């Protein structure tokens, strides 16, 4: 009986150890979330899908531009009020040819998640902004090769991408172009 208990707890321990290697968690203020996101963008070969409330982090924006130039297929859904803000870099990304949609379905687009090459998902309270790294108390979690979790994020992103149409987003960007 004692041997069975030891075996049970050993299996349980090693199972949790294996799972914990597939999840990384970081907190800010610090550059850890930013650095991990930039690394994932830089290492992406095929796709990056992101639903992000606010975007103005210089390092992340530069990494997205470079990924776009490498031919990585990038789709970003963001909040229209945040995108219209004076510090937003959404227009800059849009003008670089990155496929960006501003939300049109819900009151706000408050998600903060991304999927990299359909293998790794990130989530948490961390916005892709400079204050999220420098000043705010934020969190980010990365699900590394966790197929079940990544699949759920892919499903949610595909739904959001479908209901927030390209036509409405392009109209929004066109109105902003005229206003400036």
N, C-alpha and C. Protein backbone atom coordinates (compact mmCIF):
# COMPACT_ATOMS: atom_id res chain seq x y z
N UNK A 1 0.83 -1.19 0.00
CA UNK A 1 0.00 0.00 0.00
C UNK A 1 0.88 1.26 0.00
N UNK A 2 1.91 1.23 0.83
CA UNK A 2 2.81 2.38 0.91
C UNK A 2 3.50 2.62 -0.43
N UNK A 3 3.90 1.54 -1.09
CA UNK A 3 4.55 1.63 -2.38
C UNK A 3 3.60 2.24 -3.42
N UNK A 4 2.33 1.86 -3.37
CA UNK A 4 1.33 2.39 -4.31
C UNK A 4 1.15 3.89 -4.10
N UNK A 5 1.16 4.32 -2.85
CA UNK A 5 1.01 5.75 -2.55
C UNK A 5 2.22 6.53 -3.08
N UNK A 6 3.41 5.98 -2.86
CA UNK A 6 4.62 6.63 -3.36
C UNK A 6 4.59 6.72 -4.89
N UNK A 7 4.20 5.65 -5.54
CA UNK A 7 4.11 5.64 -7.01
C UNK A 7 3.08 6.67 -7.47
N UNK A 8 1.92 6.72 -6.81
CA UNK A 8 0.87 7.67 -7.17
C UNK A 8 1.37 9.10 -7.08
N UNK A 9 1.99 9.45 -5.95
CA UNK A 9 2.47 10.82 -5.78
C UNK A 9 3.65 11.13 -6.70
N UNK A 10 4.46 10.14 -7.02
CA UNK A 10 5.54 10.35 -7.98
C UNK A 10 4.99 10.67 -9.36
N UNK A 11 3.98 9.93 -9.78
CA UNK A 11 3.34 10.18 -11.08
C UNK A 11 2.69 11.56 -11.07
N UNK A 12 2.01 11.88 -9.99
CA UNK A 12 1.36 13.18 -9.86
C UNK A 12 2.38 14.31 -9.94
N UNK A 13 3.48 14.17 -9.21
CA UNK A 13 4.53 15.18 -9.20
C UNK A 13 5.11 15.37 -10.59
N UNK A 14 5.46 14.27 -11.25
CA UNK A 14 6.07 14.39 -12.58
C UNK A 14 5.08 14.90 -13.62
N UNK A 15 3.79 14.59 -13.45
CA UNK A 15 2.77 15.12 -14.35
C UNK A 15 2.69 16.63 -14.22
N UNK A 16 2.66 17.13 -12.98
CA UNK A 16 2.60 18.57 -12.77
C UNK A 16 3.89 19.25 -13.22
N UNK A 17 5.02 18.59 -13.03
CA UNK A 17 6.29 19.15 -13.49
C UNK A 17 6.30 19.29 -15.00
N UNK A 18 5.80 18.29 -15.70
CA UNK A 18 5.75 18.34 -17.15
C UNK A 18 4.81 19.44 -17.61
N UNK A 19 3.66 19.58 -16.95
CA UNK A 19 2.71 20.63 -17.31
C UNK A 19 3.28 22.01 -17.06
N UNK A 20 3.99 22.17 -15.94
CA UNK A 20 4.50 23.50 -15.61
C UNK A 20 5.55 23.97 -16.62
N UNK A 21 6.21 23.06 -17.30
CA UNK A 21 7.17 23.44 -18.32
C UNK A 21 6.47 23.99 -19.56
N UNK A 22 5.18 23.73 -19.69
CA UNK A 22 4.42 24.21 -20.83
C UNK A 22 3.68 25.50 -20.54
N UNK A 23 3.90 26.08 -19.37
CA UNK A 23 3.26 27.33 -18.98
C UNK A 23 4.30 28.25 -18.37
N UNK A 24 4.32 29.50 -18.83
CA UNK A 24 5.19 30.51 -18.23
C UNK A 24 4.33 31.69 -17.80
N UNK A 25 4.62 32.24 -16.63
CA UNK A 25 3.86 33.37 -16.10
C UNK A 25 4.84 34.47 -15.71
N UNK A 26 4.49 35.72 -16.09
CA UNK A 26 5.31 36.87 -15.75
C UNK A 26 4.42 38.00 -15.23
N UNK A 27 5.03 38.91 -14.51
CA UNK A 27 4.32 40.05 -13.95
C UNK A 27 5.09 41.33 -14.27
N UNK A 28 4.37 42.43 -14.32
CA UNK A 28 5.01 43.73 -14.50
C UNK A 28 4.55 44.65 -13.38
N UNK A 29 5.20 45.76 -13.15
CA UNK A 29 6.11 46.38 -14.09
C UNK A 29 7.46 45.65 -14.17
N UNK A 30 7.77 45.28 -15.37
CA UNK A 30 9.06 44.71 -15.76
C UNK A 30 9.01 44.49 -17.25
N UNK A 31 10.12 44.15 -17.84
CA UNK A 31 10.17 43.92 -19.28
C UNK A 31 9.94 42.46 -19.64
N UNK A 32 9.62 41.62 -18.66
CA UNK A 32 9.52 40.18 -18.93
C UNK A 32 8.41 39.83 -19.92
N UNK A 33 7.21 40.39 -19.75
CA UNK A 33 6.12 40.12 -20.70
C UNK A 33 6.50 40.63 -22.08
N UNK A 34 6.96 41.85 -22.13
CA UNK A 34 7.37 42.46 -23.40
C UNK A 34 8.43 41.62 -24.09
N UNK A 35 9.46 41.24 -23.36
CA UNK A 35 10.56 40.47 -23.95
C UNK A 35 10.08 39.12 -24.49
N UNK A 36 9.20 38.46 -23.75
CA UNK A 36 8.69 37.16 -24.19
C UNK A 36 7.84 37.32 -25.45
N UNK A 37 6.99 38.35 -25.49
CA UNK A 37 6.15 38.59 -26.67
C UNK A 37 7.02 38.92 -27.88
N UNK A 38 8.01 39.78 -27.70
CA UNK A 38 8.92 40.13 -28.80
C UNK A 38 9.64 38.88 -29.30
N UNK A 39 10.11 38.05 -28.39
CA UNK A 39 10.79 36.81 -28.79
C UNK A 39 9.86 35.91 -29.59
N UNK A 40 8.61 35.78 -29.15
CA UNK A 40 7.65 34.94 -29.88
C UNK A 40 7.35 35.52 -31.26
N UNK A 41 7.22 36.83 -31.34
CA UNK A 41 7.00 37.47 -32.65
C UNK A 41 8.21 37.21 -33.54
N UNK A 42 9.41 37.42 -33.01
CA UNK A 42 10.63 37.23 -33.79
C UNK A 42 10.81 35.79 -34.25
N UNK A 43 10.34 34.84 -33.45
CA UNK A 43 10.48 33.43 -33.80
C UNK A 43 9.33 32.88 -34.63
N UNK A 44 8.27 33.67 -34.80
CA UNK A 44 7.13 33.21 -35.60
C UNK A 44 7.54 33.08 -37.06
N UNK A 45 7.12 31.99 -37.66
CA UNK A 45 7.46 31.72 -39.06
C UNK A 45 6.26 31.83 -39.99
N UNK A 46 5.05 31.55 -39.47
CA UNK A 46 3.89 31.49 -40.35
C UNK A 46 2.80 32.50 -40.00
N UNK A 47 2.34 32.47 -38.75
CA UNK A 47 1.18 33.29 -38.40
C UNK A 47 1.30 33.90 -37.01
N UNK A 48 0.69 35.07 -36.87
CA UNK A 48 0.46 35.70 -35.57
C UNK A 48 -0.96 36.24 -35.61
N UNK A 49 -1.80 35.78 -34.70
CA UNK A 49 -3.16 36.30 -34.54
C UNK A 49 -3.25 36.89 -33.15
N UNK A 50 -3.73 38.14 -33.06
CA UNK A 50 -3.78 38.79 -31.75
C UNK A 50 -5.06 39.60 -31.60
N UNK A 51 -5.68 39.48 -30.45
CA UNK A 51 -6.79 40.34 -30.05
C UNK A 51 -6.27 41.14 -28.87
N UNK A 52 -5.98 42.42 -29.11
CA UNK A 52 -5.28 43.25 -28.14
C UNK A 52 -6.03 44.57 -27.96
N UNK A 53 -6.26 44.94 -26.73
CA UNK A 53 -7.00 46.15 -26.41
C UNK A 53 -6.27 47.42 -26.85
N UNK A 54 -4.98 47.51 -26.55
CA UNK A 54 -4.22 48.72 -26.85
C UNK A 54 -2.81 48.34 -27.32
N UNK A 55 -2.30 49.11 -28.29
CA UNK A 55 -0.98 48.82 -28.85
C UNK A 55 -0.20 50.13 -29.02
N UNK A 56 0.90 50.23 -28.26
CA UNK A 56 1.83 51.34 -28.51
C UNK A 56 3.25 51.02 -28.03
N UNK A 57 3.51 49.77 -27.68
CA UNK A 57 4.83 49.37 -27.22
C UNK A 57 5.80 49.36 -28.40
N UNK A 58 6.83 50.19 -28.31
CA UNK A 58 7.76 50.36 -29.42
C UNK A 58 8.44 49.06 -29.84
N UNK A 59 8.87 48.27 -28.86
CA UNK A 59 9.58 47.02 -29.18
C UNK A 59 8.66 46.02 -29.86
N UNK A 60 7.45 45.90 -29.36
CA UNK A 60 6.48 44.97 -29.95
C UNK A 60 6.09 45.43 -31.35
N UNK A 61 5.83 46.72 -31.52
CA UNK A 61 5.47 47.27 -32.83
C UNK A 61 6.60 47.02 -33.83
N UNK A 62 7.83 47.28 -33.44
CA UNK A 62 8.97 47.04 -34.35
C UNK A 62 9.10 45.56 -34.71
N UNK A 63 8.89 44.69 -33.74
CA UNK A 63 8.96 43.25 -34.01
C UNK A 63 7.84 42.83 -34.98
N UNK A 64 6.64 43.39 -34.81
CA UNK A 64 5.54 43.07 -35.72
C UNK A 64 5.86 43.52 -37.15
N UNK A 65 6.43 44.70 -37.29
CA UNK A 65 6.80 45.20 -38.62
C UNK A 65 7.82 44.27 -39.27
N UNK A 66 8.82 43.86 -38.51
CA UNK A 66 9.84 42.96 -39.05
C UNK A 66 9.24 41.61 -39.43
N UNK A 67 8.34 41.09 -38.60
CA UNK A 67 7.68 39.82 -38.91
C UNK A 67 6.86 39.95 -40.19
N UNK A 68 6.16 41.06 -40.32
CA UNK A 68 5.38 41.31 -41.53
C UNK A 68 6.29 41.34 -42.75
N UNK A 69 7.44 41.98 -42.63
CA UNK A 69 8.41 42.05 -43.73
C UNK A 69 9.00 40.68 -44.07
N UNK A 70 9.04 39.78 -43.08
CA UNK A 70 9.53 38.40 -43.32
C UNK A 70 8.47 37.54 -43.99
N UNK A 71 7.25 38.06 -44.09
CA UNK A 71 6.17 37.28 -44.71
C UNK A 71 5.28 36.56 -43.73
N UNK A 72 5.42 36.82 -42.44
CA UNK A 72 4.53 36.21 -41.46
C UNK A 72 3.14 36.81 -41.65
N UNK A 73 2.13 35.96 -41.70
CA UNK A 73 0.74 36.41 -41.85
C UNK A 73 0.25 36.89 -40.48
N UNK A 74 0.00 38.20 -40.37
CA UNK A 74 -0.39 38.80 -39.09
C UNK A 74 -1.81 39.32 -39.19
N UNK A 75 -2.62 38.97 -38.21
CA UNK A 75 -3.98 39.52 -38.09
C UNK A 75 -4.12 40.05 -36.66
N UNK A 76 -4.51 41.32 -36.55
CA UNK A 76 -4.69 41.94 -35.24
C UNK A 76 -6.09 42.53 -35.16
N UNK A 77 -6.78 42.22 -34.10
CA UNK A 77 -8.07 42.84 -33.78
C UNK A 77 -7.84 43.70 -32.55
N UNK A 78 -8.26 44.96 -32.61
CA UNK A 78 -8.02 45.86 -31.50
C UNK A 78 -9.25 46.72 -31.23
N UNK A 79 -9.21 47.44 -30.13
CA UNK A 79 -10.31 48.30 -29.72
C UNK A 79 -10.27 49.61 -30.49
N UNK A 80 -11.41 50.03 -31.02
CA UNK A 80 -11.43 51.23 -31.87
C UNK A 80 -11.15 52.51 -31.09
N UNK A 81 -11.61 52.61 -29.85
CA UNK A 81 -11.33 53.83 -29.06
C UNK A 81 -9.86 53.92 -28.71
N UNK A 82 -9.27 52.80 -28.34
CA UNK A 82 -7.84 52.78 -28.05
C UNK A 82 -7.02 53.05 -29.32
N UNK A 83 -7.48 52.50 -30.43
CA UNK A 83 -6.77 52.69 -31.70
C UNK A 83 -6.77 54.15 -32.13
N UNK A 84 -7.79 54.90 -31.71
CA UNK A 84 -7.89 56.32 -32.07
C UNK A 84 -7.09 57.22 -31.14
N UNK A 85 -6.54 56.67 -30.08
CA UNK A 85 -5.79 57.46 -29.10
C UNK A 85 -4.52 58.04 -29.68
N UNK A 86 -4.06 59.14 -29.09
CA UNK A 86 -2.89 59.85 -29.63
C UNK A 86 -1.60 59.02 -29.56
N UNK A 87 -1.49 58.09 -28.61
CA UNK A 87 -0.28 57.28 -28.49
C UNK A 87 -0.36 55.94 -29.21
N UNK A 88 -1.52 55.64 -29.79
CA UNK A 88 -1.71 54.35 -30.45
C UNK A 88 -0.80 54.21 -31.67
N UNK A 89 -0.33 53.00 -31.88
CA UNK A 89 0.51 52.69 -33.05
C UNK A 89 -0.26 51.82 -34.05
N UNK A 90 -1.58 51.73 -33.86
CA UNK A 90 -2.40 50.89 -34.73
C UNK A 90 -2.36 51.39 -36.17
N UNK A 91 -2.53 52.69 -36.36
CA UNK A 91 -2.50 53.24 -37.72
C UNK A 91 -1.16 52.97 -38.39
N UNK A 92 -0.09 53.11 -37.63
CA UNK A 92 1.25 52.85 -38.15
C UNK A 92 1.37 51.41 -38.66
N UNK A 93 0.85 50.47 -37.89
CA UNK A 93 0.88 49.06 -38.29
C UNK A 93 0.00 48.82 -39.52
N UNK A 94 -1.16 49.43 -39.53
CA UNK A 94 -2.09 49.32 -40.67
C UNK A 94 -1.42 49.86 -41.94
N UNK A 95 -0.77 51.01 -41.82
CA UNK A 95 -0.11 51.62 -42.97
C UNK A 95 1.08 50.79 -43.47
N UNK A 96 1.62 49.92 -42.62
CA UNK A 96 2.71 49.02 -43.03
C UNK A 96 2.19 47.77 -43.73
N UNK A 97 0.87 47.67 -43.84
CA UNK A 97 0.29 46.53 -44.53
C UNK A 97 -0.13 45.39 -43.63
N UNK A 98 -0.07 45.59 -42.33
CA UNK A 98 -0.52 44.54 -41.41
C UNK A 98 -2.04 44.53 -41.39
N UNK A 99 -2.61 43.35 -41.42
CA UNK A 99 -4.05 43.15 -41.47
C UNK A 99 -4.65 43.43 -40.09
N UNK A 100 -5.23 44.60 -39.94
CA UNK A 100 -5.77 45.03 -38.65
C UNK A 100 -7.25 45.33 -38.79
N UNK A 101 -8.01 44.85 -37.84
CA UNK A 101 -9.42 45.20 -37.74
C UNK A 101 -9.67 45.86 -36.39
N UNK A 102 -10.47 46.91 -36.44
CA UNK A 102 -10.95 47.52 -35.20
C UNK A 102 -12.32 46.93 -34.93
N UNK A 103 -12.62 46.74 -33.68
CA UNK A 103 -13.84 46.02 -33.35
C UNK A 103 -15.08 46.82 -33.74
N UNK A 104 -16.12 46.08 -34.06
CA UNK A 104 -17.40 46.70 -34.40
C UNK A 104 -18.56 45.93 -33.79
N UNK A 105 -18.30 44.86 -33.10
CA UNK A 105 -19.35 43.98 -32.61
C UNK A 105 -19.74 44.27 -31.15
N UNK A 106 -18.78 44.38 -30.28
CA UNK A 106 -19.06 44.52 -28.85
C UNK A 106 -18.74 45.94 -28.39
N UNK A 107 -19.13 46.27 -27.18
CA UNK A 107 -18.90 47.63 -26.68
C UNK A 107 -17.41 47.98 -26.70
N UNK A 108 -16.58 47.11 -26.17
CA UNK A 108 -15.12 47.29 -26.26
C UNK A 108 -14.48 45.96 -26.62
N UNK A 109 -13.30 46.01 -27.19
CA UNK A 109 -12.51 44.82 -27.47
C UNK A 109 -11.42 44.77 -26.41
N UNK A 110 -11.73 44.11 -25.31
CA UNK A 110 -10.87 44.16 -24.13
C UNK A 110 -9.98 42.93 -23.98
N UNK A 111 -10.00 42.05 -24.97
CA UNK A 111 -9.12 40.88 -24.93
C UNK A 111 -7.66 41.30 -25.01
N UNK A 112 -6.82 40.43 -24.50
CA UNK A 112 -5.37 40.61 -24.59
C UNK A 112 -4.77 39.22 -24.76
N UNK A 113 -4.92 38.67 -25.96
CA UNK A 113 -4.33 37.36 -26.21
C UNK A 113 -3.76 37.31 -27.62
N UNK A 114 -2.83 36.38 -27.80
CA UNK A 114 -2.21 36.19 -29.12
C UNK A 114 -1.88 34.72 -29.30
N UNK A 115 -1.84 34.32 -30.56
CA UNK A 115 -1.48 32.96 -30.92
C UNK A 115 -0.32 33.05 -31.92
N UNK A 116 0.74 32.34 -31.64
CA UNK A 116 1.94 32.38 -32.46
C UNK A 116 2.13 31.04 -33.17
N UNK A 117 2.09 31.06 -34.50
CA UNK A 117 2.26 29.85 -35.31
C UNK A 117 1.32 28.72 -34.91
N UNK A 118 0.18 29.07 -34.35
CA UNK A 118 -0.84 28.10 -33.92
C UNK A 118 -0.29 27.07 -32.92
N UNK A 119 0.81 27.43 -32.23
CA UNK A 119 1.45 26.52 -31.27
C UNK A 119 1.49 27.08 -29.86
N UNK A 120 1.60 28.40 -29.74
CA UNK A 120 1.75 29.04 -28.44
C UNK A 120 0.72 30.15 -28.33
N UNK A 121 0.05 30.21 -27.18
CA UNK A 121 -0.91 31.28 -26.92
C UNK A 121 -0.45 32.09 -25.71
N UNK A 122 -0.66 33.39 -25.78
CA UNK A 122 -0.40 34.25 -24.63
C UNK A 122 -1.70 34.92 -24.24
N UNK A 123 -1.83 35.22 -22.94
CA UNK A 123 -3.03 35.87 -22.44
C UNK A 123 -2.67 36.61 -21.16
N UNK A 124 -3.65 37.27 -20.59
CA UNK A 124 -3.44 37.98 -19.33
C UNK A 124 -3.93 39.41 -19.42
N UNK A 125 -3.57 40.22 -18.46
CA UNK A 125 -4.01 41.61 -18.43
C UNK A 125 -3.07 42.53 -19.20
N UNK A 126 -1.95 42.00 -19.65
CA UNK A 126 -0.89 42.79 -20.28
C UNK A 126 -1.32 43.32 -21.65
N UNK A 127 -1.45 44.65 -21.76
CA UNK A 127 -1.65 45.30 -23.05
C UNK A 127 -0.30 45.45 -23.72
N UNK A 128 -0.29 45.58 -25.01
CA UNK A 128 0.95 45.76 -25.75
C UNK A 128 1.31 47.24 -25.76
N UNK A 129 1.52 47.80 -24.56
CA UNK A 129 1.80 49.22 -24.39
C UNK A 129 3.07 49.43 -23.57
N UNK A 130 3.66 50.60 -23.72
CA UNK A 130 4.83 50.94 -22.92
C UNK A 130 4.49 50.97 -21.42
N UNK A 131 3.38 51.61 -20.99
CA UNK A 131 3.06 51.62 -19.55
C UNK A 131 2.84 50.22 -18.97
N UNK A 132 2.38 49.27 -19.78
CA UNK A 132 2.19 47.91 -19.27
C UNK A 132 3.51 47.30 -18.83
N UNK A 133 4.59 47.68 -19.48
CA UNK A 133 5.91 47.19 -19.10
C UNK A 133 6.54 48.04 -18.01
N UNK A 134 6.36 49.36 -18.09
CA UNK A 134 7.09 50.30 -17.25
C UNK A 134 6.40 50.70 -15.95
N UNK A 135 5.08 50.77 -15.97
CA UNK A 135 4.37 51.39 -14.85
C UNK A 135 3.26 50.57 -14.23
N UNK A 136 2.59 49.76 -15.02
CA UNK A 136 1.37 49.08 -14.55
C UNK A 136 1.67 47.76 -13.85
N UNK A 137 0.74 47.35 -13.04
CA UNK A 137 0.76 46.01 -12.46
C UNK A 137 -0.05 45.12 -13.40
N UNK A 138 0.65 44.26 -14.12
CA UNK A 138 0.03 43.43 -15.15
C UNK A 138 0.50 41.99 -14.99
N UNK A 139 -0.14 41.10 -15.75
CA UNK A 139 0.30 39.71 -15.79
C UNK A 139 0.18 39.20 -17.21
N UNK A 140 1.00 38.21 -17.52
CA UNK A 140 0.90 37.53 -18.80
C UNK A 140 1.24 36.06 -18.57
N UNK A 141 0.53 35.24 -19.30
CA UNK A 141 0.74 33.79 -19.20
C UNK A 141 0.90 33.25 -20.61
N UNK A 142 1.81 32.33 -20.76
CA UNK A 142 2.11 31.74 -22.06
C UNK A 142 1.87 30.24 -21.98
N UNK A 143 1.04 29.76 -22.89
CA UNK A 143 0.72 28.33 -23.00
C UNK A 143 1.55 27.79 -24.15
N UNK A 144 2.56 27.02 -23.81
CA UNK A 144 3.54 26.57 -24.79
C UNK A 144 3.22 25.13 -25.21
N UNK A 145 2.86 24.99 -26.47
CA UNK A 145 2.53 23.69 -27.04
C UNK A 145 1.44 22.96 -26.26
N UNK A 146 0.51 23.70 -25.70
CA UNK A 146 -0.65 23.13 -25.03
C UNK A 146 -1.79 23.16 -26.04
N UNK A 147 -1.95 22.08 -26.79
CA UNK A 147 -2.85 22.05 -27.93
C UNK A 147 -4.29 22.40 -27.57
N UNK A 148 -4.77 21.92 -26.44
CA UNK A 148 -6.17 22.19 -26.05
C UNK A 148 -6.40 23.67 -25.80
N UNK A 149 -5.52 24.30 -25.05
CA UNK A 149 -5.67 25.72 -24.75
C UNK A 149 -5.50 26.55 -26.01
N UNK A 150 -4.47 26.27 -26.78
CA UNK A 150 -4.22 27.02 -28.01
C UNK A 150 -5.42 26.89 -28.95
N UNK A 151 -6.00 25.72 -29.05
CA UNK A 151 -7.16 25.50 -29.92
C UNK A 151 -8.34 26.39 -29.49
N UNK A 152 -8.54 26.56 -28.20
CA UNK A 152 -9.62 27.42 -27.71
C UNK A 152 -9.37 28.88 -28.09
N UNK A 153 -8.14 29.33 -27.95
CA UNK A 153 -7.81 30.70 -28.35
C UNK A 153 -7.95 30.88 -29.86
N UNK A 154 -7.56 29.89 -30.64
CA UNK A 154 -7.73 29.97 -32.09
C UNK A 154 -9.22 30.09 -32.42
N UNK A 155 -10.05 29.28 -31.79
CA UNK A 155 -11.49 29.33 -32.04
C UNK A 155 -12.08 30.69 -31.70
N UNK A 156 -11.69 31.24 -30.58
CA UNK A 156 -12.21 32.55 -30.19
C UNK A 156 -11.73 33.63 -31.15
N UNK A 157 -10.47 33.57 -31.54
CA UNK A 157 -9.97 34.57 -32.47
C UNK A 157 -10.71 34.49 -33.80
N UNK A 158 -10.90 33.30 -34.32
CA UNK A 158 -11.60 33.14 -35.61
C UNK A 158 -13.01 33.71 -35.52
N UNK A 159 -13.69 33.47 -34.41
CA UNK A 159 -15.03 34.03 -34.21
C UNK A 159 -14.97 35.56 -34.22
N UNK A 160 -14.07 36.14 -33.44
CA UNK A 160 -13.96 37.60 -33.36
C UNK A 160 -13.58 38.20 -34.71
N UNK A 161 -12.70 37.54 -35.43
CA UNK A 161 -12.27 38.03 -36.74
C UNK A 161 -13.46 38.06 -37.71
N UNK A 162 -14.29 37.05 -37.62
CA UNK A 162 -15.44 36.95 -38.52
C UNK A 162 -16.49 38.02 -38.21
N UNK A 163 -16.79 38.24 -36.94
CA UNK A 163 -17.88 39.18 -36.60
C UNK A 163 -17.45 40.64 -36.63
N UNK A 164 -16.18 40.90 -36.63
CA UNK A 164 -15.66 42.27 -36.76
C UNK A 164 -15.12 42.40 -38.18
N UNK A 165 -15.96 42.89 -39.07
CA UNK A 165 -15.70 42.76 -40.50
C UNK A 165 -14.61 43.69 -41.03
N UNK A 166 -13.98 43.24 -42.10
CA UNK A 166 -12.97 44.02 -42.79
C UNK A 166 -13.58 45.31 -43.33
N UNK A 167 -14.77 45.22 -43.89
CA UNK A 167 -15.42 46.41 -44.45
C UNK A 167 -15.56 47.51 -43.42
N UNK A 168 -16.08 47.17 -42.25
CA UNK A 168 -16.25 48.19 -41.20
C UNK A 168 -14.91 48.72 -40.71
N UNK A 169 -13.93 47.86 -40.64
CA UNK A 169 -12.60 48.32 -40.21
C UNK A 169 -11.98 49.25 -41.24
N UNK A 170 -12.07 48.88 -42.51
CA UNK A 170 -11.51 49.74 -43.56
C UNK A 170 -12.22 51.09 -43.58
N UNK A 171 -13.53 51.09 -43.36
CA UNK A 171 -14.28 52.35 -43.29
C UNK A 171 -13.79 53.19 -42.12
N UNK A 172 -13.54 52.56 -40.99
CA UNK A 172 -13.04 53.26 -39.81
C UNK A 172 -11.68 53.91 -40.12
N UNK A 173 -10.78 53.14 -40.71
CA UNK A 173 -9.46 53.68 -41.05
C UNK A 173 -9.58 54.81 -42.07
N UNK A 174 -10.48 54.68 -43.03
CA UNK A 174 -10.66 55.74 -44.03
C UNK A 174 -11.17 57.02 -43.39
N UNK A 175 -12.12 56.92 -42.46
CA UNK A 175 -12.62 58.11 -41.75
C UNK A 175 -11.49 58.76 -40.96
N UNK A 176 -10.62 57.99 -40.37
CA UNK A 176 -9.50 58.51 -39.60
C UNK A 176 -8.49 59.21 -40.51
N UNK A 177 -8.35 58.70 -41.72
CA UNK A 177 -7.42 59.29 -42.67
C UNK A 177 -7.91 60.69 -43.06
N UNK A 178 -9.20 60.82 -43.29
CA UNK A 178 -9.79 62.09 -43.66
C UNK A 178 -9.73 63.09 -42.51
N UNK A 179 -9.92 62.59 -41.29
CA UNK A 179 -9.95 63.46 -40.10
C UNK A 179 -8.57 64.03 -39.76
N UNK A 180 -7.51 63.36 -40.17
CA UNK A 180 -6.17 63.84 -39.80
C UNK A 180 -5.53 64.73 -40.82
